[in-house]
Amino acid sequence: MIKTYLANGTKISYLHPLVMGIVNCTPDSFAIRFSTTKGAIEEAFRMIDEGAEMLDIGGESSRPGSDPVRTEVELERVIPVIEGIREYNPNIPISIDTTKSHVARKALEAGADIINDISALAFDDTMAAVAVEFNCPVILMHIKGTPKTMQEAPQYVDVVSEVQGYFAERIAFAVSHGIDKRKLILDIGIGFGKRTVDNLKLLKRLDVFKNFDMPLLVGASRKRFIGELTNTTVEDRMPGSVAVAALAVAAGANIVRVHDVAETKQAVLMAQAITEV
């Protein structure tokens, strides 16, 4: 059984797949978003009530073509939300979705447990040091380029092997900077510098990433490739998102990052039951 220990000494167990609820504290994320602190906290409460086992809090959109926001703005968006969640639930694991070390530090001080860095520690030279200081888990995601540029005609010779190579390099970087290898979580980065066919190949071959012997996270909820395949808008992509989450769990995903907690939770339970019978 894979375990990862949080900074406060509690642990995440992967005896069963975990559903991570997405709380976008932004006015411009591509999917469900909450531009007020009250709205974001209420959404987090609803997700917990629906069975979310983790929450991911973000204050900067990483949708294709998006620009970065100032650190002060990001902090104003996420810190009150983390504090509000912690007043309601002191135990649920919270990840801070940021590429900025200062935001990560303040979020961890406010009650977050995990750093979720879409750049895999590459955009901020001091992010690894913050992770070491707080002794917290880190989600390393694959991205090609930046959110601003990542969908400008991305190309791969072999997307699966290239993502594997990227993970090997970023894991080595993290460990060389003092991060405990047992605290790393890998995210294949669905939609981050990838065409629809690349996303499908990564999901189909998800099992190969288990060779790293680290928890795997899949975040495909309501993303563009689902819309391209189903001819649906963001608002109508819940069924496709749930299908991807169930198949990802069947292929070995340990965490699925989603907007639709209740529906995904049911699908994940069924996928797990079928694969383990």
C-alpha atoms as a PDB file:
ATOM      1  CA  MET A   1       0.000   0.000   0.000  1.00  0.00           C
ATOM      2  CA  ILE A   2       1.331   3.431  -0.962  1.00  0.00           C
ATOM      3  CA  LYS A   3       1.170   6.044   1.781  1.00  0.00           C
ATOM      4  CA  THR A   4       2.186   9.672   1.781  1.00  0.00           C
ATOM      5  CA  TYR A   5       2.506  11.643   4.994  1.00  0.00           C
ATOM      6  CA  LEU A   6       1.352  15.221   5.270  1.00  0.00           C
ATOM      7  CA  ALA A   7       3.166  17.975   7.106  1.00  0.00           C
ATOM      8  CA  ASN A   8       0.927  17.614  10.162  1.00  0.00           C
ATOM      9  CA  GLY A   9       1.717  13.915  10.509  1.00  0.00           C
ATOM     10  CA  THR A  10      -1.542  12.562   9.121  1.00  0.00           C
ATOM     11  CA  LYS A  11      -1.396  10.314   6.097  1.00  0.00           C
ATOM     12  CA  ILE A  12      -3.107   9.738   2.795  1.00  0.00           C
ATOM     13  CA  SER A  13      -3.789   6.060   2.208  1.00  0.00           C
ATOM     14  CA  TYR A  14      -4.347   4.660  -1.262  1.00  0.00           C
ATOM     15  CA  LEU A  15      -6.241   1.521  -0.295  1.00  0.00           C
ATOM     16  CA  HIS A  16      -8.943   2.902  -2.582  1.00  0.00           C
ATOM     17  CA  PRO A  17      -8.915   5.621  -5.274  1.00  0.00           C
ATOM     18  CA  LEU A  18      -9.431   9.129  -3.942  1.00  0.00           C
ATOM     19  CA  VAL A  19     -11.693  11.846  -5.344  1.00  0.00           C
ATOM     20  CA  MET A  20     -10.167  15.332  -5.235  1.00  0.00           C
ATOM     21  CA  GLY A  21     -12.618  18.212  -5.569  1.00  0.00           C
ATOM     22  CA  ILE A  22     -11.558  21.264  -7.596  1.00  0.00           C
ATOM     23  CA  VAL A  23     -12.229  24.687  -6.065  1.00  0.00           C
ATOM     24  CA  ASN A  24     -11.257  27.396  -8.573  1.00  0.00           C
ATOM     25  CA  CYS A  25     -11.058  30.729  -6.724  1.00  0.00           C
ATOM     26  CA  THR A  26     -10.818  32.671  -9.973  1.00  0.00           C
ATOM     27  CA  PRO A  27     -13.084  34.682 -12.267  1.00  0.00           C
ATOM     28  CA  ASP A  28     -11.560  33.195 -15.430  1.00  0.00           C
ATOM     29  CA  SER A  29     -11.019  29.441 -15.094  1.00  0.00           C
ATOM     30  CA  PHE A  30     -12.297  27.393 -18.020  1.00  0.00           C
ATOM     31  CA  ALA A  31     -14.834  25.407 -15.993  1.00  0.00           C
ATOM     32  CA  ILE A  32     -16.701  25.893 -12.715  1.00  0.00           C
ATOM     33  CA  ARG A  33     -15.252  28.849 -10.848  1.00  0.00           C
ATOM     34  CA  PHE A  34     -15.989  30.962  -7.805  1.00  0.00           C
ATOM     35  CA  SER A  35     -15.030  34.635  -7.768  1.00  0.00           C
ATOM     36  CA  THR A  36     -16.033  35.206  -4.134  1.00  0.00           C
ATOM     37  CA  THR A  37     -14.559  33.710  -0.992  1.00  0.00           C
ATOM     38  CA  LYS A  38     -18.007  32.796   0.308  1.00  0.00           C
ATOM     39  CA  GLY A  39     -18.916  30.960  -2.898  1.00  0.00           C
ATOM     40  CA  ALA A  40     -15.674  29.014  -2.969  1.00  0.00           C
ATOM     41  CA  ILE A  41     -15.980  27.965   0.679  1.00  0.00           C
ATOM     42  CA  GLU A  42     -19.582  26.890   0.206  1.00  0.00           C
ATOM     43  CA  GLU A  43     -18.575  24.816  -2.821  1.00  0.00           C
ATOM     44  CA  ALA A  44     -15.817  23.171  -0.791  1.00  0.00           C
ATOM     45  CA  PHE A  45     -18.337  22.318   1.942  1.00  0.00           C
ATOM     46  CA  ARG A  46     -20.668  20.796  -0.654  1.00  0.00           C
ATOM     47  CA  MET A  47     -17.865  18.701  -2.110  1.00  0.00           C
ATOM     48  CA  ILE A  48     -16.910  17.398   1.327  1.00  0.00           C
ATOM     49  CA  ASP A  49     -20.538  16.484   1.993  1.00  0.00           C
ATOM     50  CA  GLU A  50     -20.639  14.652  -1.360  1.00  0.00           C
ATOM     51  CA  GLY A  51     -17.638  12.538  -0.409  1.00  0.00           C
ATOM     52  CA  ALA A  52     -14.549  14.411  -1.608  1.00  0.00           C
ATOM     53  CA  GLU A  53     -11.496  12.996   0.155  1.00  0.00           C
ATOM     54  CA  MET A  54      -9.187  15.833  -0.906  1.00  0.00           C
ATOM     55  CA  LEU A  55      -9.607  19.419  -2.108  1.00  0.00           C
ATOM     56  CA  ASP A  56      -7.493  21.374  -4.592  1.00  0.00           C
ATOM     57  CA  ILE A  57      -7.577  25.158  -4.176  1.00  0.00           C
ATOM     58  CA  GLY A  58      -6.354  27.398  -6.979  1.00  0.00           C
ATOM     59  CA  GLY A  59      -6.238  31.164  -7.433  1.00  0.00           C
ATOM     60  CA  GLU A  60      -4.694  31.424 -10.897  1.00  0.00           C
ATOM     61  CA  SER A  61      -6.253  30.021 -14.047  1.00  0.00           C
ATOM     62  CA  SER A  62      -4.071  27.638 -16.039  1.00  0.00           C
ATOM     63  CA  ARG A  63      -6.467  27.327 -18.972  1.00  0.00           C
ATOM     64  CA  PRO A  64      -4.838  27.451 -22.429  1.00  0.00           C
ATOM     65  CA  GLY A  65      -3.807  31.000 -23.318  1.00  0.00           C
ATOM     66  CA  SER A  66      -4.103  32.353 -19.783  1.00  0.00           C
ATOM     67  CA  ASP A  67      -1.745  34.938 -18.328  1.00  0.00           C
ATOM     68  CA  PRO A  68      -0.239  34.709 -14.840  1.00  0.00           C
ATOM     69  CA  VAL A  69      -1.687  36.847 -12.047  1.00  0.00           C
ATOM     70  CA  ARG A  70       0.196  38.855  -9.450  1.00  0.00           C
ATOM     71  CA  THR A  71       1.189  37.034  -6.274  1.00  0.00           C
ATOM     72  CA  GLU A  72      -0.870  39.418  -4.138  1.00  0.00           C
ATOM     73  CA  VAL A  73      -4.010  38.689  -6.151  1.00  0.00           C
ATOM     74  CA  GLU A  74      -3.496  34.942  -5.925  1.00  0.00           C
ATOM     75  CA  LEU A  75      -3.032  35.167  -2.161  1.00  0.00           C
ATOM     76  CA  GLU A  76      -6.173  37.280  -1.754  1.00  0.00           C
ATOM     77  CA  ARG A  77      -8.127  34.587  -3.582  1.00  0.00           C
ATOM     78  CA  VAL A  78      -6.886  31.421  -1.878  1.00  0.00           C
ATOM     79  CA  ILE A  79      -5.849  32.164   1.709  1.00  0.00           C
ATOM     80  CA  PRO A  80      -9.313  33.080   3.061  1.00  0.00           C
ATOM     81  CA  VAL A  81     -10.764  29.997   1.357  1.00  0.00           C
ATOM     82  CA  ILE A  82      -8.199  27.657   2.911  1.00  0.00           C
ATOM     83  CA  GLU A  83      -8.770  29.235   6.312  1.00  0.00           C
ATOM     84  CA  GLY A  84     -12.545  28.933   5.920  1.00  0.00           C
ATOM     85  CA  ILE A  85     -12.329  25.264   4.972  1.00  0.00           C
ATOM     86  CA  ARG A  86     -10.047  24.550   7.892  1.00  0.00           C
ATOM     87  CA  GLU A  87     -12.575  26.057  10.319  1.00  0.00           C
ATOM     88  CA  TYR A  88     -15.197  23.666   8.941  1.00  0.00           C
ATOM     89  CA  ASN A  89     -13.017  20.593   8.531  1.00  0.00           C
ATOM     90  CA  PRO A  90      -9.599  20.381  10.206  1.00  0.00           C
ATOM     91  CA  ASN A  91      -8.665  17.044   8.643  1.00  0.00           C
ATOM     92  CA  ILE A  92      -9.419  16.923   4.908  1.00  0.00           C
ATOM     93  CA  PRO A  93      -6.189  17.110   2.858  1.00  0.00           C
ATOM     94  CA  ILE A  94      -5.940  20.393   0.950  1.00  0.00           C
ATOM     95  CA  SER A  95      -3.592  21.034  -1.946  1.00  0.00           C
ATOM     96  CA  ILE A  96      -2.616  24.493  -3.124  1.00  0.00           C
ATOM     97  CA  ASP A  97      -2.542  24.697  -6.913  1.00  0.00           C
ATOM     98  CA  THR A  98       0.219  27.207  -7.597  1.00  0.00           C
ATOM     99  CA  THR A  99       3.581  27.637  -9.288  1.00  0.00           C
ATOM    100  CA  LYS A 100       4.663  30.419  -6.904  1.00  0.00           C
ATOM    101  CA  SER A 101       6.707  29.512  -3.835  1.00  0.00           C
ATOM    102  CA  HIS A 102       5.447  32.487  -1.814  1.00  0.00           C
ATOM    103  CA  VAL A 103       1.837  31.474  -2.433  1.00  0.00           C
ATOM    104  CA  ALA A 104       2.660  27.886  -1.525  1.00  0.00           C
ATOM    105  CA  ARG A 105       4.315  28.980   1.718  1.00  0.00           C
ATOM    106  CA  LYS A 106       1.409  31.179   2.808  1.00  0.00           C
ATOM    107  CA  ALA A 107      -1.117  28.495   1.869  1.00  0.00           C
ATOM    108  CA  LEU A 108       0.732  25.851   3.890  1.00  0.00           C
ATOM    109  CA  GLU A 109       0.864  28.235   6.837  1.00  0.00           C
ATOM    110  CA  ALA A 110      -2.897  28.787   6.472  1.00  0.00           C
ATOM    111  CA  GLY A 111      -3.655  25.060   6.625  1.00  0.00           C
ATOM    112  CA  ALA A 112      -2.912  23.519   3.221  1.00  0.00           C
ATOM    113  CA  ASP A 113      -1.059  20.199   3.187  1.00  0.00           C
ATOM    114  CA  ILE A 114       0.141  19.589  -0.368  1.00  0.00           C
ATOM    115  CA  ILE A 115       1.803  21.616  -3.131  1.00  0.00           C
ATOM    116  CA  ASN A 116       0.218  21.009  -6.542  1.00  0.00           C
ATOM    117  CA  ASP A 117       2.654  22.517  -9.041  1.00  0.00           C
ATOM    118  CA  ILE A 118       1.718  22.281 -12.725  1.00  0.00           C
ATOM    119  CA  SER A 119       5.335  23.058 -13.618  1.00  0.00           C
ATOM    120  CA  ALA A 120       6.760  20.192 -11.515  1.00  0.00           C
ATOM    121  CA  LEU A 121       8.925  22.709  -9.582  1.00  0.00           C
ATOM    122  CA  ALA A 122      10.318  24.271 -12.772  1.00  0.00           C
ATOM    123  CA  PHE A 123       8.754  27.772 -12.815  1.00  0.00           C
ATOM    124  CA  ASP A 124       9.998  28.961  -9.392  1.00  0.00           C
ATOM    125  CA  ASP A 125      13.546  28.221  -8.258  1.00  0.00           C
ATOM    126  CA  THR A 126      12.598  28.268  -4.556  1.00  0.00           C
ATOM    127  CA  MET A 127       9.496  26.039  -4.677  1.00  0.00           C
ATOM    128  CA  ALA A 128      11.460  22.892  -3.831  1.00  0.00           C
ATOM    129  CA  ALA A 129      12.900  24.586  -0.751  1.00  0.00           C
ATOM    130  CA  VAL A 130       9.399  25.381   0.508  1.00  0.00           C
ATOM    131  CA  ALA A 131       8.370  21.756   0.056  1.00  0.00           C
ATOM    132  CA  VAL A 132      11.404  20.624   2.041  1.00  0.00           C
ATOM    133  CA  GLU A 133      10.799  23.190   4.775  1.00  0.00           C
ATOM    134  CA  PHE A 134       7.199  22.073   5.282  1.00  0.00           C
ATOM    135  CA  ASN A 135       7.975  18.406   4.622  1.00  0.00           C
ATOM    136  CA  CYS A 136       4.830  18.140   2.517  1.00  0.00           C
ATOM    137  CA  PRO A 137       3.766  16.050  -0.480  1.00  0.00           C
ATOM    138  CA  VAL A 138       4.247  17.564  -3.944  1.00  0.00           C
ATOM    139  CA  ILE A 139       2.255  16.858  -7.092  1.00  0.00           C
ATOM    140  CA  LEU A 140       4.541  16.935 -10.136  1.00  0.00           C
ATOM    141  CA  MET A 141       2.612  17.529 -13.360  1.00  0.00           C
ATOM    142  CA  HIS A 142       3.774  17.227 -16.953  1.00  0.00           C
ATOM    143  CA  ILE A 143       3.376  20.367 -19.033  1.00  0.00           C
ATOM    144  CA  LYS A 144       4.774  21.343 -22.418  1.00  0.00           C
ATOM    145  CA  GLY A 145       5.437  25.069 -22.407  1.00  0.00           C
ATOM    146  CA  THR A 146       3.402  27.406 -20.202  1.00  0.00           C
ATOM    147  CA  PRO A 147      -0.368  27.891 -19.883  1.00  0.00           C
ATOM    148  CA  LYS A 148       0.009  30.874 -22.243  1.00  0.00           C
ATOM    149  CA  THR A 149       1.751  28.847 -24.981  1.00  0.00           C
ATOM    150  CA  MET A 150       1.072  25.161 -24.296  1.00  0.00           C
ATOM    151  CA  GLN A 151      -1.661  24.657 -26.903  1.00  0.00           C
ATOM    152  CA  GLU A 152       0.190  26.372 -29.730  1.00  0.00           C
ATOM    153  CA  ALA A 153       0.574  23.273 -31.936  1.00  0.00           C
ATOM    154  CA  PRO A 154       2.137  20.847 -29.438  1.00  0.00           C
ATOM    155  CA  GLN A 155       3.906  17.896 -31.069  1.00  0.00           C
ATOM    156  CA  TYR A 156       5.300  14.593 -29.783  1.00  0.00           C
ATOM    157  CA  VAL A 157       7.118  11.710 -31.418  1.00  0.00           C
ATOM    158  CA  ASP A 158       5.950   9.378 -28.639  1.00  0.00           C
ATOM    159  CA  VAL A 159       3.931  11.184 -25.991  1.00  0.00           C
ATOM    160  CA  VAL A 160       4.040   8.326 -23.478  1.00  0.00           C
ATOM    161  CA  SER A 161       7.821   7.916 -23.536  1.00  0.00           C
ATOM    162  CA  GLU A 162       8.351  11.677 -23.526  1.00  0.00           C
ATOM    163  CA  VAL A 163       6.174  12.114 -20.441  1.00  0.00           C
ATOM    164  CA  GLN A 164       8.004   9.208 -18.799  1.00  0.00           C
ATOM    165  CA  GLY A 165      11.322  10.916 -19.492  1.00  0.00           C
ATOM    166  CA  TYR A 166      10.025  14.196 -18.130  1.00  0.00           C
ATOM    167  CA  PHE A 167       8.902  12.522 -14.908  1.00  0.00           C
ATOM    168  CA  ALA A 168      12.264  10.814 -14.495  1.00  0.00           C
ATOM    169  CA  GLU A 169      14.025  14.179 -14.816  1.00  0.00           C
ATOM    170  CA  ARG A 170      11.678  16.070 -12.467  1.00  0.00           C
ATOM    171  CA  ILE A 171      11.738  13.297  -9.851  1.00  0.00           C
ATOM    172  CA  ALA A 172      15.534  13.403  -9.915  1.00  0.00           C
ATOM    173  CA  PHE A 173      15.414  17.190  -9.528  1.00  0.00           C
ATOM    174  CA  ALA A 174      13.041  16.978  -6.566  1.00  0.00           C
ATOM    175  CA  VAL A 175      15.061  14.318  -4.784  1.00  0.00           C
ATOM    176  CA  SER A 176      18.349  16.146  -5.419  1.00  0.00           C
ATOM    177  CA  HIS A 177      16.831  19.201  -3.719  1.00  0.00           C
ATOM    178  CA  GLY A 178      15.916  17.255  -0.605  1.00  0.00           C
ATOM    179  CA  ILE A 179      12.301  16.207  -1.209  1.00  0.00           C
ATOM    180  CA  ASP A 180      11.461  12.734   0.085  1.00  0.00           C
ATOM    181  CA  LYS A 181      10.685  10.537  -2.929  1.00  0.00           C
ATOM    182  CA  ARG A 182       7.836   8.945  -0.961  1.00  0.00           C
ATOM    183  CA  LYS A 183       6.063  12.313  -0.900  1.00  0.00           C
ATOM    184  CA  LEU A 184       5.857  12.724  -4.688  1.00  0.00           C
ATOM    185  CA  ILE A 185       2.637  12.314  -6.679  1.00  0.00           C
ATOM    186  CA  LEU A 186       2.632  12.244 -10.501  1.00  0.00           C
ATOM    187  CA  ASP A 187       0.067  13.939 -12.762  1.00  0.00           C
ATOM    188  CA  ILE A 188       0.236  13.181 -16.500  1.00  0.00           C
ATOM    189  CA  GLY A 189      -1.095  16.663 -17.276  1.00  0.00           C
ATOM    190  CA  ILE A 190      -4.142  16.011 -19.418  1.00  0.00           C
ATOM    191  CA  GLY A 191      -4.708  19.048 -21.642  1.00  0.00           C
ATOM    192  CA  PHE A 192      -1.464  20.785 -20.741  1.00  0.00           C
ATOM    193  CA  GLY A 193       0.371  21.036 -24.050  1.00  0.00           C
ATOM    194  CA  LYS A 194      -1.358  18.047 -25.602  1.00  0.00           C
ATOM    195  CA  ARG A 195      -3.619  17.296 -28.528  1.00  0.00           C
ATOM    196  CA  THR A 196      -6.707  15.135 -28.131  1.00  0.00           C
ATOM    197  CA  VAL A 197      -4.844  12.100 -29.460  1.00  0.00           C
ATOM    198  CA  ASP A 198      -2.043  12.688 -26.934  1.00  0.00           C
ATOM    199  CA  ASN A 199      -4.498  12.780 -24.056  1.00  0.00           C
ATOM    200  CA  LEU A 200      -6.113   9.556 -25.233  1.00  0.00           C
ATOM    201  CA  LYS A 201      -2.770   7.763 -25.594  1.00  0.00           C
ATOM    202  CA  LEU A 202      -1.697   8.790 -22.096  1.00  0.00           C
ATOM    203  CA  LEU A 203      -4.957   7.565 -20.604  1.00  0.00           C
ATOM    204  CA  LYS A 204      -4.796   4.302 -22.552  1.00  0.00           C
ATOM    205  CA  ARG A 205      -1.209   3.664 -21.371  1.00  0.00           C
ATOM    206  CA  LEU A 206      -1.660   4.961 -17.832  1.00  0.00           C
ATOM    207  CA  ASP A 207      -0.509   1.667 -16.377  1.00  0.00           C
ATOM    208  CA  VAL A 208       3.073   2.236 -17.598  1.00  0.00           C
ATOM    209  CA  PHE A 209       3.443   5.165 -15.213  1.00  0.00           C
ATOM    210  CA  LYS A 210       2.907   2.815 -12.278  1.00  0.00           C
ATOM    211  CA  ASN A 211       6.518   1.764 -12.871  1.00  0.00           C
ATOM    212  CA  PHE A 212       7.579   4.878 -10.968  1.00  0.00           C
ATOM    213  CA  ASP A 213       5.965   3.351  -7.857  1.00  0.00           C
ATOM    214  CA  MET A 214       4.318   6.652  -6.967  1.00  0.00           C
ATOM    215  CA  PRO A 215       0.673   7.671  -6.646  1.00  0.00           C
ATOM    216  CA  LEU A 216      -0.852   8.759  -9.954  1.00  0.00           C
ATOM    217  CA  LEU A 217      -3.275  11.663 -10.311  1.00  0.00           C
ATOM    218  CA  VAL A 218      -5.508  12.176 -13.352  1.00  0.00           C
ATOM    219  CA  GLY A 219      -7.247  15.490 -13.890  1.00  0.00           C
ATOM    220  CA  ALA A 220      -9.397  15.341 -17.024  1.00  0.00           C
ATOM    221  CA  SER A 221     -12.592  16.880 -15.681  1.00  0.00           C
ATOM    222  CA  ARG A 222     -14.542  18.880 -18.324  1.00  0.00           C
ATOM    223  CA  LYS A 223     -11.441  19.452 -20.445  1.00  0.00           C
ATOM    224  CA  ARG A 224     -11.375  20.441 -24.082  1.00  0.00           C
ATOM    225  CA  PHE A 225     -10.585  17.000 -25.507  1.00  0.00           C
ATOM    226  CA  ILE A 226     -13.850  15.687 -24.037  1.00  0.00           C
ATOM    227  CA  GLY A 227     -15.699  18.488 -25.777  1.00  0.00           C
ATOM    228  CA  GLU A 228     -13.942  17.779 -29.062  1.00  0.00           C
ATOM    229  CA  LEU A 229     -14.924  14.106 -28.932  1.00  0.00           C
ATOM    230  CA  THR A 230     -18.494  14.634 -27.702  1.00  0.00           C
ATOM    231  CA  ASN A 231     -19.293  17.991 -29.329  1.00  0.00           C
ATOM    232  CA  THR A 232     -20.259  19.487 -25.967  1.00  0.00           C
ATOM    233  CA  THR A 233     -19.635  22.714 -24.100  1.00  0.00           C
ATOM    234  CA  VAL A 234     -17.835  22.845 -20.759  1.00  0.00           C
ATOM    235  CA  GLU A 235     -21.176  22.847 -18.945  1.00  0.00           C
ATOM    236  CA  ASP A 236     -22.275  19.588 -20.622  1.00  0.00           C
ATOM    237  CA  ARG A 237     -19.105  17.514 -20.207  1.00  0.00           C
ATOM    238  CA  MET A 238     -19.885  15.864 -16.892  1.00  0.00           C
ATOM    239  CA  PRO A 239     -20.796  12.425 -18.352  1.00  0.00           C
ATOM    240  CA  GLY A 240     -17.606  12.272 -20.406  1.00  0.00           C
ATOM    241  CA  SER A 241     -15.565  13.415 -17.426  1.00  0.00           C
ATOM    242  CA  VAL A 242     -17.041  10.711 -15.203  1.00  0.00           C
ATOM    243  CA  ALA A 243     -16.306   8.074 -17.857  1.00  0.00           C
ATOM    244  CA  VAL A 244     -12.659   9.148 -18.037  1.00  0.00           C
ATOM    245  CA  ALA A 245     -12.347   9.096 -14.238  1.00  0.00           C
ATOM    246  CA  ALA A 246     -13.757   5.559 -14.037  1.00  0.00           C
ATOM    247  CA  LEU A 247     -11.445   4.274 -16.769  1.00  0.00           C
ATOM    248  CA  ALA A 248      -8.461   6.011 -15.169  1.00  0.00           C
ATOM    249  CA  VAL A 249      -9.174   4.318 -11.847  1.00  0.00           C
ATOM    250  CA  ALA A 250      -9.505   0.952 -13.605  1.00  0.00           C
ATOM    251  CA  ALA A 251      -6.072   1.597 -15.171  1.00  0.00           C
ATOM    252  CA  GLY A 252      -4.442   2.394 -11.842  1.00  0.00           C
ATOM    253  CA  ALA A 253      -5.046   6.063 -10.995  1.00  0.00           C
ATOM    254  CA  ASN A 254      -4.890   6.733  -7.262  1.00  0.00           C
ATOM    255  CA  ILE A 255      -6.448  10.211  -7.358  1.00  0.00           C
ATOM    256  CA  VAL A 256      -8.944  11.752  -9.778  1.00  0.00           C
ATOM    257  CA  ARG A 257      -9.246  15.542  -9.723  1.00  0.00           C
ATOM    258  CA  VAL A 258     -12.819  16.529 -10.587  1.00  0.00           C
ATOM    259  CA  HIS A 259     -15.535  19.177 -10.581  1.00  0.00           C
ATOM    260  CA  ASP A 260     -18.419  16.703 -10.157  1.00  0.00           C
ATOM    261  CA  VAL A 261     -17.748  14.911  -6.894  1.00  0.00           C
ATOM    262  CA  ALA A 262     -20.942  12.961  -6.239  1.00  0.00           C
ATOM    263  CA  GLU A 263     -21.194  11.530  -9.752  1.00  0.00           C
ATOM    264  CA  THR A 264     -17.487  10.701  -9.931  1.00  0.00           C
ATOM    265  CA  LYS A 265     -17.502   9.120  -6.497  1.00  0.00           C
ATOM    266  CA  GLN A 266     -20.185   6.635  -7.578  1.00  0.00           C
ATOM    267  CA  ALA A 267     -18.372   5.829 -10.828  1.00  0.00           C
ATOM    268  CA  VAL A 268     -15.057   5.349  -9.027  1.00  0.00           C
ATOM    269  CA  LEU A 269     -16.605   2.972  -6.506  1.00  0.00           C
ATOM    270  CA  MET A 270     -18.019   0.853  -9.343  1.00  0.00           C
ATOM    271  CA  ALA A 271     -14.758   0.876 -11.299  1.00  0.00           C
ATOM    272  CA  GLN A 272     -12.861  -0.230  -8.239  1.00  0.00           C
ATOM    273  CA  ALA A 273     -15.341  -2.995  -7.450  1.00  0.00           C
ATOM    274  CA  ILE A 274     -15.158  -4.388 -10.980  1.00  0.00           C
ATOM    275  CA  THR A 275     -11.359  -4.299 -11.178  1.00  0.00           C
ATOM    276  CA  GLU A 276     -10.901  -5.927  -7.755  1.00  0.00           C
ATOM    277  CA  VAL A 277     -13.553  -8.673  -7.945  1.00  0.00           C
END
